[in-house]
Amino acid sequence: MKENDKGTTGRVEVKDRIIRQALKSFADHGIKSVRMDDIANSLKISKRTLYEIFADKETLLTECLLYHKK
């Protein structure tokens, strides 16, 4: 059970890092010009990891807006 907690905690941390990087990228370069590849590369994570957490760019953008609103 402890391993599962670690996995969940790690996933939440990765999700938070992705959202913060995406917000910065969207602000710096505009939403249309930022690709999922760009975000994955800037965080040094695989696209697969990114797409396991966020199904698509629209979902990521929605999460970014909710995060920013908090």
N, C-alpha and C. Protein backbone atom coordinates (compact mmCIF):
# COMPACT_ATOMS: atom_id res chain seq x y z
N MET A 1 0.82 -1.19 0.00
CA MET A 1 0.00 0.00 0.00
C MET A 1 0.87 1.26 0.00
N LYS A 2 2.00 1.22 0.65
CA LYS A 2 2.88 2.38 0.65
C LYS A 2 3.40 2.69 -0.75
N GLU A 3 3.67 1.65 -1.55
CA GLU A 3 4.15 1.86 -2.91
C GLU A 3 3.10 2.57 -3.74
N ASN A 4 1.85 2.20 -3.55
CA ASN A 4 0.76 2.84 -4.29
C ASN A 4 0.66 4.32 -3.92
N ASP A 5 0.83 4.62 -2.62
CA ASP A 5 0.80 6.01 -2.18
C ASP A 5 1.93 6.81 -2.82
N LYS A 6 3.11 6.21 -2.90
CA LYS A 6 4.25 6.88 -3.54
C LYS A 6 3.96 7.15 -5.01
N GLY A 7 3.38 6.17 -5.68
CA GLY A 7 3.06 6.32 -7.09
C GLY A 7 2.06 7.43 -7.31
N THR A 8 1.06 7.48 -6.45
CA THR A 8 0.03 8.51 -6.57
C THR A 8 0.62 9.88 -6.28
N THR A 9 1.44 9.97 -5.25
CA THR A 9 2.07 11.24 -4.90
C THR A 9 2.98 11.71 -6.03
N GLY A 10 3.76 10.80 -6.58
CA GLY A 10 4.66 11.15 -7.68
C GLY A 10 3.90 11.63 -8.90
N ARG A 11 2.78 10.99 -9.17
CA ARG A 11 1.95 11.37 -10.32
C ARG A 11 1.37 12.76 -10.14
N VAL A 12 0.95 13.07 -8.91
CA VAL A 12 0.41 14.40 -8.62
C VAL A 12 1.48 15.46 -8.80
N GLU A 13 2.70 15.15 -8.37
CA GLU A 13 3.81 16.09 -8.53
C GLU A 13 4.13 16.32 -10.00
N VAL A 14 4.13 15.25 -10.79
CA VAL A 14 4.39 15.38 -12.22
C VAL A 14 3.28 16.20 -12.88
N LYS A 15 2.05 15.92 -12.52
CA LYS A 15 0.91 16.66 -13.08
C LYS A 15 1.05 18.15 -12.77
N ASP A 16 1.43 18.46 -11.54
CA ASP A 16 1.60 19.86 -11.13
C ASP A 16 2.74 20.52 -11.91
N ARG A 17 3.85 19.81 -12.10
CA ARG A 17 4.97 20.34 -12.89
C ARG A 17 4.55 20.61 -14.33
N ILE A 18 3.78 19.69 -14.90
CA ILE A 18 3.31 19.86 -16.28
C ILE A 18 2.43 21.09 -16.39
N ILE A 19 1.51 21.25 -15.46
CA ILE A 19 0.59 22.39 -15.51
C ILE A 19 1.36 23.70 -15.38
N ARG A 20 2.30 23.76 -14.45
CA ARG A 20 3.06 25.00 -14.27
C ARG A 20 3.89 25.33 -15.51
N GLN A 21 4.52 24.32 -16.11
CA GLN A 21 5.31 24.54 -17.33
C GLN A 21 4.41 24.95 -18.49
N ALA A 22 3.27 24.31 -18.60
CA ALA A 22 2.34 24.63 -19.69
C ALA A 22 1.84 26.07 -19.55
N LEU A 23 1.51 26.48 -18.34
CA LEU A 23 1.07 27.86 -18.12
C LEU A 23 2.14 28.85 -18.57
N LYS A 24 3.38 28.57 -18.19
CA LYS A 24 4.49 29.45 -18.58
C LYS A 24 4.65 29.47 -20.10
N SER A 25 4.62 28.30 -20.71
CA SER A 25 4.77 28.22 -22.16
C SER A 25 3.64 28.91 -22.89
N PHE A 26 2.41 28.70 -22.44
CA PHE A 26 1.26 29.35 -23.07
C PHE A 26 1.37 30.87 -22.95
N ALA A 27 1.81 31.35 -21.80
CA ALA A 27 1.95 32.80 -21.59
C ALA A 27 3.07 33.38 -22.45
N ASP A 28 4.17 32.65 -22.56
CA ASP A 28 5.33 33.15 -23.31
C ASP A 28 5.16 33.08 -24.83
N HIS A 29 4.53 32.01 -25.31
CA HIS A 29 4.50 31.76 -26.75
C HIS A 29 3.11 31.73 -27.38
N GLY A 30 2.09 31.74 -26.56
CA GLY A 30 0.73 31.65 -27.09
C GLY A 30 0.25 30.20 -27.14
N ILE A 31 -1.02 30.02 -26.93
CA ILE A 31 -1.58 28.68 -26.84
C ILE A 31 -1.42 27.91 -28.15
N LYS A 32 -1.68 28.56 -29.26
CA LYS A 32 -1.63 27.85 -30.55
C LYS A 32 -0.24 27.38 -30.92
N SER A 33 0.77 28.12 -30.55
CA SER A 33 2.12 27.77 -31.00
C SER A 33 2.81 26.74 -30.11
N VAL A 34 2.28 26.49 -28.92
CA VAL A 34 2.89 25.51 -28.02
C VAL A 34 2.34 24.13 -28.34
N ARG A 35 3.26 23.20 -28.59
CA ARG A 35 2.87 21.82 -28.87
C ARG A 35 3.09 20.96 -27.63
N MET A 36 2.40 19.85 -27.57
CA MET A 36 2.60 18.92 -26.46
C MET A 36 4.05 18.45 -26.44
N ASP A 37 4.65 18.29 -27.61
CA ASP A 37 6.07 17.92 -27.71
C ASP A 37 6.95 18.94 -26.98
N ASP A 38 6.64 20.22 -27.17
CA ASP A 38 7.42 21.28 -26.55
C ASP A 38 7.38 21.18 -25.03
N ILE A 39 6.20 20.93 -24.50
CA ILE A 39 6.04 20.82 -23.05
C ILE A 39 6.79 19.60 -22.53
N ALA A 40 6.63 18.47 -23.19
CA ALA A 40 7.32 17.25 -22.77
C ALA A 40 8.84 17.45 -22.82
N ASN A 41 9.33 18.05 -23.89
CA ASN A 41 10.78 18.27 -24.03
C ASN A 41 11.31 19.22 -22.96
N SER A 42 10.57 20.27 -22.66
CA SER A 42 11.05 21.24 -21.66
C SER A 42 11.10 20.63 -20.26
N LEU A 43 10.25 19.64 -20.01
CA LEU A 43 10.25 18.98 -18.70
C LEU A 43 11.12 17.72 -18.68
N LYS A 44 11.66 17.37 -19.86
CA LYS A 44 12.46 16.16 -19.99
C LYS A 44 11.68 14.91 -19.56
N ILE A 45 10.43 14.85 -20.03
CA ILE A 45 9.60 13.67 -19.83
C ILE A 45 9.18 13.17 -21.21
N SER A 46 8.73 11.94 -21.26
CA SER A 46 8.30 11.41 -22.55
C SER A 46 6.90 11.91 -22.90
N LYS A 47 6.62 11.91 -24.19
CA LYS A 47 5.26 12.27 -24.62
C LYS A 47 4.25 11.29 -24.05
N ARG A 48 4.67 10.04 -23.93
CA ARG A 48 3.78 9.02 -23.38
C ARG A 48 3.35 9.40 -21.96
N THR A 49 4.30 9.81 -21.14
CA THR A 49 3.98 10.24 -19.78
C THR A 49 3.01 11.40 -19.80
N LEU A 50 3.27 12.36 -20.65
CA LEU A 50 2.39 13.53 -20.77
C LEU A 50 0.98 13.11 -21.17
N TYR A 51 0.88 12.24 -22.17
CA TYR A 51 -0.43 11.81 -22.65
C TYR A 51 -1.12 10.83 -21.70
N GLU A 52 -0.39 10.20 -20.80
CA GLU A 52 -1.02 9.36 -19.78
C GLU A 52 -1.73 10.23 -18.74
N ILE A 53 -1.22 11.42 -18.53
CA ILE A 53 -1.80 12.32 -17.54
C ILE A 53 -2.84 13.24 -18.16
N PHE A 54 -2.58 13.72 -19.37
CA PHE A 54 -3.51 14.60 -20.08
C PHE A 54 -3.80 14.01 -21.45
N ALA A 55 -5.05 13.73 -21.73
CA ALA A 55 -5.44 13.06 -22.97
C ALA A 55 -5.08 13.88 -24.21
N ASP A 56 -5.17 15.21 -24.08
CA ASP A 56 -4.88 16.08 -25.23
C ASP A 56 -4.60 17.49 -24.73
N LYS A 57 -4.26 18.35 -25.65
CA LYS A 57 -3.90 19.73 -25.32
C LYS A 57 -5.08 20.49 -24.72
N GLU A 58 -6.26 20.21 -25.20
CA GLU A 58 -7.46 20.88 -24.68
C GLU A 58 -7.67 20.54 -23.20
N THR A 59 -7.48 19.28 -22.85
CA THR A 59 -7.61 18.86 -21.46
C THR A 59 -6.55 19.54 -20.60
N LEU A 60 -5.33 19.61 -21.10
CA LEU A 60 -4.25 20.28 -20.39
C LEU A 60 -4.58 21.75 -20.20
N LEU A 61 -5.07 22.40 -21.22
CA LEU A 61 -5.42 23.82 -21.13
C LEU A 61 -6.52 24.04 -20.10
N THR A 62 -7.52 23.17 -20.09
CA THR A 62 -8.60 23.27 -19.10
C THR A 62 -8.05 23.16 -17.69
N GLU A 63 -7.17 22.19 -17.47
CA GLU A 63 -6.55 22.02 -16.15
C GLU A 63 -5.70 23.23 -15.78
N CYS A 64 -5.03 23.82 -16.75
CA CYS A 64 -4.23 25.02 -16.51
C CYS A 64 -5.11 26.18 -16.05
N LEU A 65 -6.23 26.33 -16.70
CA LEU A 65 -7.16 27.41 -16.33
C LEU A 65 -7.71 27.22 -14.93
N LEU A 66 -8.05 25.98 -14.59
CA LEU A 66 -8.54 25.68 -13.25
C LEU A 66 -7.46 25.92 -12.21
N TYR A 67 -6.23 25.53 -12.51
CA TYR A 67 -5.10 25.73 -11.62
C TYR A 67 -4.86 27.23 -11.41
N HIS A 68 -4.90 27.98 -12.49
CA HIS A 68 -4.66 29.43 -12.40
C HIS A 68 -5.76 30.12 -11.60
N LYS A 69 -6.97 29.63 -11.74
CA LYS A 69 -8.12 30.23 -11.04
C LYS A 69 -7.99 30.06 -9.52
N LYS A 70 -7.37 28.93 -9.08
CA LYS A 70 -7.17 28.70 -7.64
C LYS A 70 -6.21 29.72 -7.13
